Protein backbone atom coordinates (compact mmCIF):
# COMPACT_ATOMS: atom_id res chain seq x y z
CA MET A 1 234.54 14.51 59.42
CA ARG A 2 233.85 17.83 61.65
CA LEU A 3 235.49 19.37 64.49
CA VAL A 4 232.19 19.36 67.02
CA SER A 5 234.12 20.69 70.37
CA LEU A 6 237.99 21.19 72.07
CA PHE A 7 239.12 19.54 75.07
CA GLY A 8 241.70 21.63 77.62
CA PRO A 9 244.30 20.00 79.82
CA GLU A 10 246.09 20.94 81.62
CA HIS A 11 248.46 23.73 80.34
CA GLY A 12 245.35 23.89 77.31
CA VAL A 13 244.64 23.95 74.64
CA TYR A 14 248.06 26.11 72.89
CA GLY A 15 250.14 25.14 75.90
CA ASP A 16 250.44 28.13 77.17
CA ILE A 17 248.90 27.97 80.91
CA LYS A 18 251.13 27.83 83.65
CA ALA A 19 251.71 24.18 85.69
CA GLY A 20 248.75 23.93 88.33
CA GLU A 21 246.73 26.79 87.16
CA TYR A 22 242.99 26.08 86.88
CA VAL A 23 242.15 25.79 83.07
CA ALA A 24 238.77 27.57 82.52
CA THR A 25 235.84 26.05 80.22
CA THR A 26 236.10 29.06 77.20
CA ARG A 27 235.45 29.51 73.31
CA ASP A 28 238.95 29.62 71.10
CA ARG A 29 239.68 32.25 69.93
CA ARG A 30 240.71 30.59 66.52
CA THR A 31 237.89 28.73 65.28
CA GLY A 32 235.31 29.54 67.82
CA LEU A 33 234.29 26.02 68.90
CA VAL A 34 233.58 25.18 72.55
CA VAL A 35 237.53 23.89 74.89
CA HIS A 36 236.05 22.18 77.41
CA SER A 37 238.41 21.93 80.35
CA LEU A 38 239.66 18.28 81.56
CA TYR A 39 241.98 20.46 84.06
CA GLY A 40 239.09 22.63 85.70
CA THR A 41 235.95 21.48 88.12
CA THR A 42 236.36 17.95 86.02
CA ARG A 43 239.35 16.00 84.76
CA LYS A 44 237.21 13.50 83.31
CA PRO A 45 235.18 14.58 80.05
CA THR A 46 231.05 14.14 81.75
CA ALA A 47 228.86 12.67 79.31
CA GLU A 48 226.84 16.39 78.67
CA MET A 49 230.64 17.62 77.17
CA LEU A 50 230.36 14.23 75.19
CA ARG A 51 226.81 14.13 73.74
CA ASP A 52 227.30 15.14 70.24
CA LEU A 53 230.38 13.92 69.29
CA ASP A 54 231.27 10.13 67.76
CA VAL A 55 234.88 10.00 68.15
CA ILE A 56 237.51 12.14 70.62
CA VAL A 57 240.63 12.76 68.44
CA TYR A 58 243.46 12.58 70.97
CA ASP A 59 246.51 14.68 69.87
CA LEU A 60 248.52 15.82 72.37
CA GLN A 61 252.48 15.91 72.34
CA ASP A 62 254.35 14.51 75.22
CA VAL A 63 257.13 14.19 77.58
CA GLY A 64 257.78 10.91 77.84
CA ALA A 65 257.88 10.91 81.91
CA ARG A 66 254.80 9.35 83.46
CA SER A 67 254.25 12.78 86.26
CA TYR A 68 253.24 15.04 82.85
CA THR A 69 250.09 14.58 83.42
CA PHE A 70 248.95 14.73 79.51
CA ILE A 71 248.98 10.44 79.38
CA SER A 72 246.40 10.27 82.77
CA THR A 73 244.24 13.19 80.95
CA LEU A 74 244.44 10.37 77.59
CA GLY A 75 243.39 7.76 80.24
CA LEU A 76 240.26 9.31 81.67
CA VAL A 77 239.61 10.24 78.14
CA MET A 78 239.41 6.94 77.52
CA GLN A 79 237.46 5.72 80.17
CA ALA A 80 234.41 8.47 79.95
CA ALA A 81 234.61 7.14 75.91
CA GLN A 82 234.41 3.90 76.61
CA GLU A 83 231.21 4.64 79.86
CA ASN A 84 229.74 6.57 76.79
CA GLY A 85 229.75 4.72 73.76
CA LYS A 86 232.19 6.84 72.21
CA GLU A 87 235.59 5.98 70.03
CA VAL A 88 239.37 7.50 70.75
CA VAL A 89 241.25 8.09 68.33
CA VAL A 90 245.07 9.06 68.58
CA LEU A 91 247.29 10.31 66.74
CA ASP A 92 250.64 9.00 67.72
CA ARG A 93 253.32 10.84 68.19
CA PRO A 94 257.59 10.18 68.84
CA ASN A 95 258.68 10.34 72.97
CA PRO A 96 261.29 13.11 72.69
CA LEU A 97 263.14 10.88 75.02
CA GLY A 98 263.03 7.45 72.53
CA GLY A 99 261.53 4.61 72.80
CA GLU A 100 264.02 2.77 74.59
CA ARG A 101 265.35 4.49 77.49
CA ILE A 102 263.40 3.07 81.15
CA GLU A 103 263.89 5.20 84.09
CA GLY A 104 262.70 4.69 87.66
CA GLY A 105 260.40 2.16 89.78
CA GLY A 106 256.36 1.86 90.31
CA VAL A 107 254.31 4.15 92.22
CA GLU A 108 252.23 3.12 95.13
CA MET A 109 248.60 1.88 95.05
CA GLY A 110 248.46 3.91 98.04
CA ILE A 111 249.92 7.40 96.30
CA ARG A 112 247.76 6.85 92.89
CA SER A 113 247.48 10.67 91.92
CA PHE A 114 246.99 12.96 88.41
CA VAL A 115 251.01 13.14 88.44
CA GLY A 116 251.03 8.70 88.92
CA GLN A 117 248.01 7.58 87.74
CA TYR A 118 249.47 4.23 86.65
CA ASP A 119 252.18 1.31 87.95
CA ILE A 120 255.05 2.21 85.34
CA PRO A 121 258.33 3.06 85.63
CA TYR A 122 258.63 7.01 85.20
CA VAL A 123 260.19 7.29 81.93
CA TYR A 124 258.16 4.51 80.00
CA GLY A 125 259.32 4.53 76.67
CA LEU A 126 256.55 4.67 74.82
CA THR A 127 255.14 6.77 72.31
CA VAL A 128 251.25 8.14 73.43
CA GLY A 129 249.48 5.67 70.94
CA GLU A 130 251.77 2.75 72.72
CA MET A 131 250.73 4.07 76.31
CA ALA A 132 246.72 4.11 74.60
CA LEU A 133 247.03 0.42 73.87
CA TRP A 134 248.58 -0.16 77.27
CA ILE A 135 246.19 2.06 78.75
CA ASN A 136 243.33 -0.13 77.37
CA GLU A 137 244.22 -3.33 78.15
CA ASN A 138 245.56 -2.70 81.72
CA TYR A 139 243.59 -0.20 83.59
CA LEU A 140 240.24 0.66 82.23
CA THR A 141 237.54 -2.12 83.66
CA GLN A 142 236.62 -2.22 79.95
CA PRO A 143 238.08 -1.64 76.88
CA CYS A 144 236.83 1.48 75.12
CA LYS A 145 236.77 1.39 70.46
CA LEU A 146 240.48 2.86 70.30
CA THR A 147 241.65 3.59 66.77
CA VAL A 148 245.64 4.44 66.90
CA PHE A 149 247.90 6.48 64.06
CA LYS A 150 250.84 5.42 63.39
CA MET A 151 253.87 7.81 63.05
CA GLY A 152 255.25 7.06 59.77
CA GLY A 153 259.55 8.19 59.83
CA TRP A 154 259.96 7.25 63.41
CA ASN A 155 262.10 4.47 64.97
CA ARG A 156 262.44 3.73 69.17
CA SER A 157 266.33 5.35 69.56
CA MET A 158 265.11 8.45 67.67
CA SER A 159 265.36 11.30 70.61
CA TRP A 160 263.25 14.62 69.34
CA ARG A 161 266.20 15.44 68.07
CA GLU A 162 266.42 12.91 65.64
CA THR A 163 263.09 13.58 64.14
CA GLY A 164 264.43 17.17 62.53
CA LEU A 165 260.78 18.49 63.50
CA LYS A 166 260.41 21.91 65.16
CA TRP A 167 259.62 21.83 68.88
CA VAL A 168 256.47 23.82 70.02
CA ALA A 169 256.40 24.67 73.92
CA THR A 170 253.50 21.67 75.60
CA SER A 171 253.62 24.02 78.07
CA PRO A 172 255.55 26.87 79.82
CA ASN A 173 258.23 24.73 81.24
CA ILE A 174 258.43 22.89 78.34
CA PRO A 175 259.52 26.20 76.09
CA ILE A 176 262.25 23.56 73.91
CA TRP A 177 262.61 20.20 73.86
CA GLU A 178 265.59 19.38 75.83
CA SER A 179 263.55 20.62 78.87
CA CYS A 180 262.44 16.95 78.49
CA LEU A 181 265.64 15.43 79.58
CA GLY A 182 266.26 17.63 82.13
CA TYR A 183 262.48 16.77 83.29
CA VAL A 184 263.69 14.01 84.32
CA ALA A 185 267.07 14.61 85.32
CA THR A 186 266.03 17.93 87.85
CA GLY A 187 261.84 17.47 88.30
CA LEU A 188 261.95 15.97 91.36
CA LEU A 189 264.26 18.51 93.25
CA GLY A 190 261.41 22.00 92.44
CA ASP A 191 259.38 21.60 95.73
CA ILE A 192 261.47 20.45 98.10
CA GLY A 193 263.58 24.08 97.53
CA ILE A 194 265.70 23.61 95.12
CA THR A 195 265.81 25.61 91.76
CA ASN A 196 265.66 23.78 88.85
CA GLY A 197 265.17 25.97 86.51
CA ALA A 198 261.15 25.55 85.65
CA ALA A 199 259.72 29.60 85.63
CA VAL A 200 262.71 31.24 86.87
CA HIS A 201 265.05 30.70 84.26
CA PRO A 202 265.32 31.03 80.12
CA ARG A 203 266.23 26.93 80.28
CA PRO A 204 263.52 25.03 82.79
CA PHE A 205 264.66 22.19 84.18
CA LEU A 206 268.28 22.12 82.85
CA VAL A 207 269.87 24.54 85.99
CA VAL A 208 270.81 22.87 89.50
CA ALA A 209 270.80 26.25 92.09
CA GLY A 210 269.61 27.85 95.00
CA GLU A 211 270.37 31.76 97.09
CA ASN A 212 273.31 30.29 98.88
CA PHE A 213 275.12 27.37 96.84
CA ARG A 214 278.56 27.38 95.90
CA GLU A 215 278.34 27.08 92.26
CA LEU A 216 281.96 26.27 92.07
CA GLU A 217 282.14 23.72 94.40
CA LEU A 218 278.83 22.14 92.98
CA LEU A 219 280.78 21.67 89.14
CA ARG A 220 283.15 20.43 90.68
CA TYR A 221 281.01 17.61 92.30
CA VAL A 222 278.92 17.03 88.83
CA GLU A 223 281.87 17.00 87.02
CA GLY A 224 283.44 14.34 89.36
CA LEU A 225 280.19 12.36 89.18
CA GLY A 226 281.60 11.09 84.97
CA LEU A 227 279.10 11.21 83.79
CA ARG A 228 278.87 9.95 80.22
CA GLY A 229 276.17 12.19 77.97
CA VAL A 230 276.10 14.72 81.17
CA ARG A 231 278.14 18.11 80.98
CA ALA A 232 277.63 21.10 83.43
CA GLY A 233 278.81 25.06 83.50
CA ALA A 234 279.00 27.26 86.65
CA ILE A 235 276.35 29.77 86.53
CA HIS A 236 274.33 32.97 88.67
CA PHE A 237 271.27 34.56 86.92
CA PHE A 238 268.87 36.29 88.43
CA PRO A 239 264.82 34.28 88.39
CA THR A 240 263.14 35.82 85.40
CA SER A 241 259.84 36.24 87.36
CA GLY A 242 258.39 35.65 91.06
CA LYS A 243 259.64 36.75 94.23
CA TYR A 244 262.86 36.03 93.97
CA THR A 245 263.85 38.19 91.44
CA HIS A 246 265.27 41.08 92.90
CA ILE A 247 267.76 37.72 93.83
CA ARG A 248 270.88 36.13 92.31
CA PHE A 249 271.06 32.45 92.22
CA ARG A 250 273.82 30.40 91.62
CA GLY A 251 274.44 26.47 90.56
CA VAL A 252 274.82 24.63 87.43
CA GLN A 253 272.63 24.28 84.40
CA LEU A 254 273.54 20.85 82.39
CA GLU A 255 273.38 20.02 78.95
CA LEU A 256 272.11 16.52 78.28
CA ASP A 257 273.32 13.94 75.34
CA PRO A 258 269.78 11.75 74.83
CA ARG A 259 271.58 8.82 73.90
CA SER A 260 273.84 8.93 77.27
CA PRO A 261 273.99 5.70 79.12
CA GLU A 262 273.07 7.12 82.28
CA SER A 263 269.81 7.73 84.60
CA PHE A 264 268.44 10.66 83.77
CA LEU A 265 266.04 9.85 87.26
CA LYS A 266 268.86 8.82 89.15
CA LEU A 267 270.76 12.36 88.64
CA ASN A 268 268.30 13.90 91.58
CA PHE A 269 269.27 11.78 94.00
CA GLN A 270 272.72 12.23 92.40
CA ILE A 271 272.32 15.82 93.07
CA LEU A 272 270.57 15.32 96.35
CA ASP A 273 273.63 13.26 97.09
CA GLY A 274 276.08 15.98 96.45
CA LEU A 275 274.02 18.78 98.66
CA ARG A 276 274.29 16.06 101.43
CA GLU A 277 278.39 16.54 101.55
CA LEU A 278 278.77 19.87 100.32
CA GLN A 279 275.71 21.52 103.23
CA PRO A 280 276.06 19.04 105.77
CA GLN A 281 273.92 21.64 107.97
CA ARG A 282 270.75 21.31 104.51
CA ASN A 283 268.22 18.27 104.70
CA TYR A 284 266.37 19.41 102.21
CA PHE A 285 263.34 17.02 102.66
CA LEU A 286 263.17 18.48 106.73
CA SER A 287 263.50 22.15 105.43
CA ALA A 288 260.81 21.78 102.87
CA THR A 289 257.25 22.42 103.18
CA PRO A 290 254.59 19.63 103.86
CA GLU A 291 253.11 19.88 100.27
CA GLY A 292 256.25 19.99 98.71
CA VAL A 293 257.76 16.55 100.67
CA LYS A 294 253.96 14.97 99.53
CA MET A 295 254.67 16.58 95.75
CA PHE A 296 258.02 14.71 95.74
CA ASP A 297 256.68 11.49 96.69
CA LYS A 298 253.46 11.80 94.31
CA ILE A 299 255.69 12.93 91.64
CA ASN A 300 258.76 9.93 92.86
CA GLY A 301 255.63 7.15 92.71
CA GLY A 302 255.66 6.55 96.56
CA ALA A 303 258.24 7.60 99.59
CA GLY A 304 260.14 4.42 99.65
CA ASN A 305 263.07 6.25 97.48
CA ARG A 306 262.77 8.96 100.21
CA ARG A 307 262.70 7.06 103.40
CA LEU A 308 265.76 4.92 101.76
CA TRP A 309 267.77 8.39 100.82
CA MET A 310 267.30 10.33 103.73
CA GLY A 311 267.68 6.75 105.90
CA GLY A 312 271.65 7.28 105.12
CA ALA A 313 271.61 5.95 101.47
CA GLY A 314 273.29 6.67 98.31
CA ALA A 315 271.70 7.77 94.92
CA GLY A 316 272.88 4.08 93.86
CA VAL A 317 271.50 2.34 96.16
CA VAL A 318 267.77 3.83 95.54
CA ALA A 319 268.12 3.75 91.74
CA GLU A 320 269.31 -0.19 92.51
CA SER A 321 265.47 -0.11 93.74
CA TRP A 322 264.44 0.64 90.49
CA ARG A 323 265.64 -2.72 88.73
CA SER A 324 263.20 -5.17 88.79
CA ARG A 325 260.25 -2.76 87.91
CA GLU A 326 262.27 -0.97 85.39
CA ASN A 327 263.14 -5.37 83.93
CA SER A 328 259.95 -6.43 84.52
CA TRP A 329 258.29 -2.85 82.45
CA ARG A 330 260.34 -4.06 79.11
CA ARG A 331 258.88 -7.76 79.46
CA GLU A 332 255.31 -6.04 79.78
CA ARG A 333 255.76 -3.63 77.08
CA GLU A 334 256.79 -5.74 74.82
CA LYS A 335 253.34 -6.32 73.61
CA TYR A 336 252.35 -3.00 72.50
CA LEU A 337 255.09 -1.95 70.94
CA LEU A 338 254.41 -0.31 67.33
CA TYR A 339 257.55 0.75 66.53
């Protein structure tokens, strides 16, 4: 088999391009091969890109959450392969969250996007190989020719920590595997004016902070939740980049146990509950930019959860609204499980 070209998703082939930044078509510095951008003028391989190929090999480490765009790229690659008579080979990799954790509701039809392309729970509990099998049968109008190479030595109860493998950053904001856990637990907050550490702290998504937070009050609130496998400590820091590097941020840093029985996605709304109690004068959805609220809804799969919370419901009610989709997904995914 001869390697003909490479394809760069969001964050590029080396995972070093920031979230949302344009990925240019270029030449690979190591191999000299062309790197076709799938996060630039197109997100789906064109017929011209595929013209000299027989097989497209998908070999990307996912983080296990619906809004991380690698699985959206996977679906578009499979769609393009089917349309152009090419085969897709998926080299399976561990889900760093494990294969048993399922959290969140689905995605409303009118709000499908690149960060919510499939009507699946936010935490879906599949490997990329298993996801490819589901996409082939449920997302594509006609299935592509697909081969999945299974892993050896992995089972569904294993988080990344149990694999013993070295983590290689999938993007600048996922430099450590623990950020995959934080991506679920705080990832909804960053677009509405609450710092979750992304781009400003050495442990992205494992921080909840703000310029005017009282860190000890927030710490007492988080500790008072009594969440198993969730530990917090008070912190203050100056952002490592951006326009606020001269401003001290205060809040909490989280330590999340992958075997925690708690819903990490629910923690986003539990934090919002706490801020509603500690900062009653501020509504983060009303003070956020329209673009920020729109992105919150896209990542969350729709406006329903936000409207429920803004109507006075707490995190428990919001999380309960996910229960039906979580349960139906557990049944739906069974036929695609490889481990």
